[in-house]
Amino acid sequence: MLLRRLPALLCAAACGQARPPPTCEFAGDAAQPVQLEAFALDASGAPAVLREGDAVLLQRPPQGGYVIYAGVAARNLEPCGVTVTAYLIDRATGNALTNLDQRRADLTSQSNGYGFPAQSYTQTPNIPACPDALHAGVVGRAAILHAELTDARSRGATIEVGVIASCASDARCACLCGPNPSQC
């Protein structure tokens, strides 16, 4: 008798342990447009909101070279599975100064209703800056951080903020990312 009921018991146990898929509730006011704040990760991995003229730090990722971890925090959107694209533009010429990087992210609320990426390094765009495929040199140049976000409902926004790429006390960074990267 127990053997005949075993499949039903196993199913009940398994079904009882099944978890529904996570829900993603709209964050903010659906009647308002998506609002963005640009940010960059500091040396400790903490997001710092960017204002016009702020420095963005070139950092060494595990794969080598130097990247700028910069993206956007957002509100008035569906925060799960957003797509963020970011790159630097040369302020003087309007041309791309770096290649772009695009990441999918889940945003969690942290400040003033703005959601930041749940996993800072893997969900924030890793803007490839050095070695410099565009042979422009990014350190100390006036640039525009251009970032775009689109949520799962195709609601999106773009933000641009003036920044200056900088190295910490890393001499190799200053050489590879400076005005004469081919002379390192």
C-alpha atoms as a PDB file:
ATOM      1  CA  MET A   1       0.000   0.000   0.000  1.00  0.00           C
ATOM      2  CA  LEU A   2       2.799   2.372   0.875  1.00  0.00           C
ATOM      3  CA  LEU A   3       4.547   1.553  -2.403  1.00  0.00           C
ATOM      4  CA  ARG A   4       1.437   2.543  -4.377  1.00  0.00           C
ATOM      5  CA  ARG A   5       1.281   5.890  -2.590  1.00  0.00           C
ATOM      6  CA  LEU A   6       5.033   6.550  -2.801  1.00  0.00           C
ATOM      7  CA  PRO A   7       4.874   8.339  -6.206  1.00  0.00           C
ATOM      8  CA  ALA A   8       2.094  10.599  -4.907  1.00  0.00           C
ATOM      9  CA  LEU A   9       4.034  11.320  -1.705  1.00  0.00           C
ATOM     10  CA  LEU A  10       7.213  12.085  -3.645  1.00  0.00           C
ATOM     11  CA  CYS A  11       5.312  14.406  -5.965  1.00  0.00           C
ATOM     12  CA  ALA A  12       3.664  16.178  -3.043  1.00  0.00           C
ATOM     13  CA  ALA A  13       7.027  16.656  -1.366  1.00  0.00           C
ATOM     14  CA  ALA A  14       8.660  17.904  -4.558  1.00  0.00           C
ATOM     15  CA  CYS A  15       5.729  20.119  -5.502  1.00  0.00           C
ATOM     16  CA  GLY A  16       5.595  21.578  -2.014  1.00  0.00           C
ATOM     17  CA  GLN A  17       9.250  22.571  -2.266  1.00  0.00           C
ATOM     18  CA  ALA A  18       8.930  24.126  -5.710  1.00  0.00           C
ATOM     19  CA  ARG A  19       9.322  27.876  -5.606  1.00  0.00           C
ATOM     20  CA  PRO A  20       7.474  30.202  -7.912  1.00  0.00           C
ATOM     21  CA  PRO A  21       9.643  32.231 -10.271  1.00  0.00           C
ATOM     22  CA  PRO A  22      10.768  35.550  -8.777  1.00  0.00           C
ATOM     23  CA  THR A  23       8.512  38.482  -9.538  1.00  0.00           C
ATOM     24  CA  CYS A  24       9.762  41.826 -10.585  1.00  0.00           C
ATOM     25  CA  GLU A  25       7.562  44.680  -9.509  1.00  0.00           C
ATOM     26  CA  PHE A  26       7.637  48.013 -11.283  1.00  0.00           C
ATOM     27  CA  ALA A  27       9.856  50.458  -9.364  1.00  0.00           C
ATOM     28  CA  GLY A  28       8.624  54.016  -9.251  1.00  0.00           C
ATOM     29  CA  ASP A  29       5.808  55.731 -11.110  1.00  0.00           C
ATOM     30  CA  ALA A  30       4.715  54.140 -14.405  1.00  0.00           C
ATOM     31  CA  ALA A  31       3.204  57.469 -15.493  1.00  0.00           C
ATOM     32  CA  GLN A  32       6.637  59.117 -15.340  1.00  0.00           C
ATOM     33  CA  PRO A  33       9.518  58.664 -17.791  1.00  0.00           C
ATOM     34  CA  VAL A  34      12.499  56.530 -16.833  1.00  0.00           C
ATOM     35  CA  GLN A  35      14.969  58.636 -14.830  1.00  0.00           C
ATOM     36  CA  LEU A  36      18.699  57.913 -14.771  1.00  0.00           C
ATOM     37  CA  GLU A  37      21.720  58.834 -12.688  1.00  0.00           C
ATOM     38  CA  ALA A  38      25.170  58.048 -14.081  1.00  0.00           C
ATOM     39  CA  PHE A  39      27.607  56.371 -11.706  1.00  0.00           C
ATOM     40  CA  ALA A  40      31.064  54.810 -11.702  1.00  0.00           C
ATOM     41  CA  LEU A  41      32.511  52.240  -9.332  1.00  0.00           C
ATOM     42  CA  ASP A  42      35.269  53.494  -7.061  1.00  0.00           C
ATOM     43  CA  ALA A  43      38.367  51.465  -6.154  1.00  0.00           C
ATOM     44  CA  SER A  44      36.405  49.530  -3.505  1.00  0.00           C
ATOM     45  CA  GLY A  45      33.577  48.653  -5.925  1.00  0.00           C
ATOM     46  CA  ALA A  46      31.069  51.077  -4.433  1.00  0.00           C
ATOM     47  CA  PRO A  47      28.945  53.101  -6.879  1.00  0.00           C
ATOM     48  CA  ALA A  48      29.514  56.878  -6.839  1.00  0.00           C
ATOM     49  CA  VAL A  49      26.982  59.093  -8.613  1.00  0.00           C
ATOM     50  CA  LEU A  50      28.705  61.211 -11.274  1.00  0.00           C
ATOM     51  CA  ARG A  51      28.372  64.951 -11.687  1.00  0.00           C
ATOM     52  CA  GLU A  52      29.701  67.041 -14.571  1.00  0.00           C
ATOM     53  CA  GLY A  53      33.521  67.040 -14.567  1.00  0.00           C
ATOM     54  CA  ASP A  54      33.992  64.120 -12.145  1.00  0.00           C
ATOM     55  CA  ALA A  55      36.842  61.655 -12.573  1.00  0.00           C
ATOM     56  CA  VAL A  56      36.177  58.035 -13.522  1.00  0.00           C
ATOM     57  CA  LEU A  57      38.758  55.494 -12.428  1.00  0.00           C
ATOM     58  CA  LEU A  58      40.513  53.136 -14.829  1.00  0.00           C
ATOM     59  CA  GLN A  59      40.707  49.721 -13.137  1.00  0.00           C
ATOM     60  CA  ARG A  60      42.297  46.353 -13.965  1.00  0.00           C
ATOM     61  CA  PRO A  61      39.666  43.652 -14.493  1.00  0.00           C
ATOM     62  CA  PRO A  62      40.548  39.941 -14.193  1.00  0.00           C
ATOM     63  CA  GLN A  63      40.911  39.603 -17.979  1.00  0.00           C
ATOM     64  CA  GLY A  64      43.623  42.289 -18.102  1.00  0.00           C
ATOM     65  CA  GLY A  65      43.890  45.740 -19.601  1.00  0.00           C
ATOM     66  CA  TYR A  66      42.001  48.634 -18.040  1.00  0.00           C
ATOM     67  CA  VAL A  67      38.284  49.338 -17.982  1.00  0.00           C
ATOM     68  CA  ILE A  68      35.987  51.975 -16.579  1.00  0.00           C
ATOM     69  CA  TYR A  69      33.143  50.471 -14.555  1.00  0.00           C
ATOM     70  CA  ALA A  70      30.381  52.968 -15.269  1.00  0.00           C
ATOM     71  CA  GLY A  71      26.671  52.768 -15.914  1.00  0.00           C
ATOM     72  CA  VAL A  72      23.355  54.041 -14.641  1.00  0.00           C
ATOM     73  CA  ALA A  73      21.021  53.798 -11.696  1.00  0.00           C
ATOM     74  CA  ALA A  74      17.355  54.160 -12.627  1.00  0.00           C
ATOM     75  CA  ARG A  75      13.797  54.591 -11.400  1.00  0.00           C
ATOM     76  CA  ASN A  76      10.324  54.480 -12.955  1.00  0.00           C
ATOM     77  CA  LEU A  77      10.917  51.159 -14.715  1.00  0.00           C
ATOM     78  CA  GLU A  78      10.806  47.392 -14.396  1.00  0.00           C
ATOM     79  CA  PRO A  79      14.139  46.795 -12.613  1.00  0.00           C
ATOM     80  CA  CYS A  80      14.752  43.140 -13.564  1.00  0.00           C
ATOM     81  CA  GLY A  81      16.616  42.268 -16.732  1.00  0.00           C
ATOM     82  CA  VAL A  82      17.449  45.795 -17.883  1.00  0.00           C
ATOM     83  CA  THR A  83      20.048  46.295 -20.608  1.00  0.00           C
ATOM     84  CA  VAL A  84      22.680  48.995 -20.059  1.00  0.00           C
ATOM     85  CA  THR A  85      25.110  50.178 -22.742  1.00  0.00           C
ATOM     86  CA  ALA A  86      27.927  52.632 -21.995  1.00  0.00           C
ATOM     87  CA  TYR A  87      30.986  54.167 -23.653  1.00  0.00           C
ATOM     88  CA  LEU A  88      33.045  57.374 -23.682  1.00  0.00           C
ATOM     89  CA  ILE A  89      32.854  60.061 -26.361  1.00  0.00           C
ATOM     90  CA  ASP A  90      35.690  62.538 -27.006  1.00  0.00           C
ATOM     91  CA  ARG A  91      34.317  65.913 -25.993  1.00  0.00           C
ATOM     92  CA  ALA A  92      36.425  67.785 -28.569  1.00  0.00           C
ATOM     93  CA  THR A  93      35.557  65.716 -31.646  1.00  0.00           C
ATOM     94  CA  GLY A  94      32.309  63.947 -30.772  1.00  0.00           C
ATOM     95  CA  ASN A  95      33.892  60.628 -31.813  1.00  0.00           C
ATOM     96  CA  ALA A  96      33.948  57.463 -29.722  1.00  0.00           C
ATOM     97  CA  LEU A  97      36.882  57.500 -27.309  1.00  0.00           C
ATOM     98  CA  THR A  98      36.389  53.911 -26.132  1.00  0.00           C
ATOM     99  CA  ASN A  99      34.613  50.840 -27.342  1.00  0.00           C
ATOM    100  CA  LEU A 100      31.243  50.157 -25.756  1.00  0.00           C
ATOM    101  CA  ASP A 101      30.120  47.514 -23.326  1.00  0.00           C
ATOM    102  CA  GLN A 102      26.600  46.234 -22.806  1.00  0.00           C
ATOM    103  CA  ARG A 103      25.356  44.359 -19.732  1.00  0.00           C
ATOM    104  CA  ARG A 104      22.099  42.891 -18.496  1.00  0.00           C
ATOM    105  CA  ALA A 105      21.363  43.780 -14.906  1.00  0.00           C
ATOM    106  CA  ASP A 106      18.838  43.487 -12.122  1.00  0.00           C
ATOM    107  CA  LEU A 107      18.500  46.765 -10.258  1.00  0.00           C
ATOM    108  CA  THR A 108      17.941  46.918  -6.517  1.00  0.00           C
ATOM    109  CA  SER A 109      16.751  50.047  -4.748  1.00  0.00           C
ATOM    110  CA  GLN A 110      19.473  51.844  -2.831  1.00  0.00           C
ATOM    111  CA  SER A 111      18.970  55.593  -2.769  1.00  0.00           C
ATOM    112  CA  ASN A 112      16.172  58.073  -3.536  1.00  0.00           C
ATOM    113  CA  GLY A 113      14.223  55.335  -5.304  1.00  0.00           C
ATOM    114  CA  TYR A 114      17.037  54.688  -7.795  1.00  0.00           C
ATOM    115  CA  GLY A 115      17.981  51.092  -8.401  1.00  0.00           C
ATOM    116  CA  PHE A 116      21.641  50.163  -8.823  1.00  0.00           C
ATOM    117  CA  PRO A 117      22.948  46.881 -10.278  1.00  0.00           C
ATOM    118  CA  ALA A 118      22.597  44.020  -7.807  1.00  0.00           C
ATOM    119  CA  GLN A 119      26.093  42.746  -8.703  1.00  0.00           C
ATOM    120  CA  SER A 120      28.312  45.786  -9.166  1.00  0.00           C
ATOM    121  CA  TYR A 121      31.242  44.430 -11.217  1.00  0.00           C
ATOM    122  CA  THR A 122      29.431  41.905 -13.416  1.00  0.00           C
ATOM    123  CA  GLN A 123      26.283  43.945 -14.089  1.00  0.00           C
ATOM    124  CA  THR A 124      27.910  47.363 -14.561  1.00  0.00           C
ATOM    125  CA  PRO A 125      29.321  48.004 -18.045  1.00  0.00           C
ATOM    126  CA  ASN A 126      33.081  47.342 -18.173  1.00  0.00           C
ATOM    127  CA  ILE A 127      33.984  50.056 -20.693  1.00  0.00           C
ATOM    128  CA  PRO A 128      37.167  48.838 -22.435  1.00  0.00           C
ATOM    129  CA  ALA A 129      39.655  51.712 -22.400  1.00  0.00           C
ATOM    130  CA  CYS A 130      43.219  50.303 -22.550  1.00  0.00           C
ATOM    131  CA  PRO A 131      44.995  48.877 -24.424  1.00  0.00           C
ATOM    132  CA  ASP A 132      43.461  51.480 -26.611  1.00  0.00           C
ATOM    133  CA  ALA A 133      41.990  49.935 -29.761  1.00  0.00           C
ATOM    134  CA  LEU A 134      41.095  53.415 -30.988  1.00  0.00           C
ATOM    135  CA  HIS A 135      44.663  54.751 -30.331  1.00  0.00           C
ATOM    136  CA  ALA A 136      43.357  57.911 -28.713  1.00  0.00           C
ATOM    137  CA  GLY A 137      44.604  57.695 -25.118  1.00  0.00           C
ATOM    138  CA  VAL A 138      41.955  58.338 -22.485  1.00  0.00           C
ATOM    139  CA  VAL A 139      43.770  59.508 -19.358  1.00  0.00           C
ATOM    140  CA  GLY A 140      43.165  63.157 -18.607  1.00  0.00           C
ATOM    141  CA  ARG A 141      40.970  63.748 -21.686  1.00  0.00           C
ATOM    142  CA  ALA A 142      37.669  65.523 -21.387  1.00  0.00           C
ATOM    143  CA  ALA A 143      35.071  62.927 -22.308  1.00  0.00           C
ATOM    144  CA  ILE A 144      31.354  62.334 -22.205  1.00  0.00           C
ATOM    145  CA  LEU A 145      30.056  59.181 -20.560  1.00  0.00           C
ATOM    146  CA  HIS A 146      27.145  58.088 -22.758  1.00  0.00           C
ATOM    147  CA  ALA A 147      24.867  55.486 -21.155  1.00  0.00           C
ATOM    148  CA  GLU A 148      21.581  53.984 -22.335  1.00  0.00           C
ATOM    149  CA  LEU A 149      19.126  51.766 -20.470  1.00  0.00           C
ATOM    150  CA  THR A 150      16.157  49.731 -21.699  1.00  0.00           C
ATOM    151  CA  ASP A 151      13.895  47.674 -19.431  1.00  0.00           C
ATOM    152  CA  ALA A 152      11.859  44.546 -20.200  1.00  0.00           C
ATOM    153  CA  ARG A 153       8.872  46.705 -21.197  1.00  0.00           C
ATOM    154  CA  SER A 154      11.035  48.567 -23.753  1.00  0.00           C
ATOM    155  CA  ARG A 155      10.966  51.720 -21.627  1.00  0.00           C
ATOM    156  CA  GLY A 156      14.306  53.448 -21.844  1.00  0.00           C
ATOM    157  CA  ALA A 157      16.377  56.541 -21.403  1.00  0.00           C
ATOM    158  CA  THR A 158      19.801  57.965 -22.206  1.00  0.00           C
ATOM    159  CA  ILE A 159      22.101  60.118 -20.105  1.00  0.00           C
ATOM    160  CA  GLU A 160      25.371  61.897 -20.839  1.00  0.00           C
ATOM    161  CA  VAL A 161      27.710  63.439 -18.307  1.00  0.00           C
ATOM    162  CA  GLY A 162      31.147  65.009 -18.729  1.00  0.00           C
ATOM    163  CA  VAL A 163      33.942  63.004 -17.088  1.00  0.00           C
ATOM    164  CA  ILE A 164      37.723  62.697 -17.064  1.00  0.00           C
ATOM    165  CA  ALA A 165      39.357  59.252 -17.020  1.00  0.00           C
ATOM    166  CA  SER A 166      42.087  58.883 -14.420  1.00  0.00           C
ATOM    167  CA  CYS A 167      44.494  56.288 -13.087  1.00  0.00           C
ATOM    168  CA  ALA A 168      45.140  55.605  -9.440  1.00  0.00           C
ATOM    169  CA  SER A 169      48.829  55.347  -8.545  1.00  0.00           C
ATOM    170  CA  ASP A 170      49.426  52.731 -11.261  1.00  0.00           C
ATOM    171  CA  ALA A 171      52.298  53.814 -13.572  1.00  0.00           C
ATOM    172  CA  ARG A 172      51.425  51.124 -16.136  1.00  0.00           C
ATOM    173  CA  CYS A 173      47.888  52.532 -16.375  1.00  0.00           C
ATOM    174  CA  ALA A 174      49.201  56.038 -16.997  1.00  0.00           C
ATOM    175  CA  CYS A 175      51.422  54.764 -19.805  1.00  0.00           C
ATOM    176  CA  LEU A 176      48.990  52.358 -21.530  1.00  0.00           C
ATOM    177  CA  CYS A 177      46.035  54.717 -21.220  1.00  0.00           C
ATOM    178  CA  GLY A 178      47.863  58.010 -21.716  1.00  0.00           C
ATOM    179  CA  PRO A 179      48.433  60.125 -24.805  1.00  0.00           C
ATOM    180  CA  ASN A 180      51.232  57.896 -26.210  1.00  0.00           C
ATOM    181  CA  PRO A 181      50.118  54.309 -25.530  1.00  0.00           C
ATOM    182  CA  SER A 182      52.331  52.876 -28.272  1.00  0.00           C
ATOM    183  CA  GLN A 183      55.487  54.040 -26.426  1.00  0.00           C
ATOM    184  CA  CYS A 184      55.015  51.895 -23.316  1.00  0.00           C
END
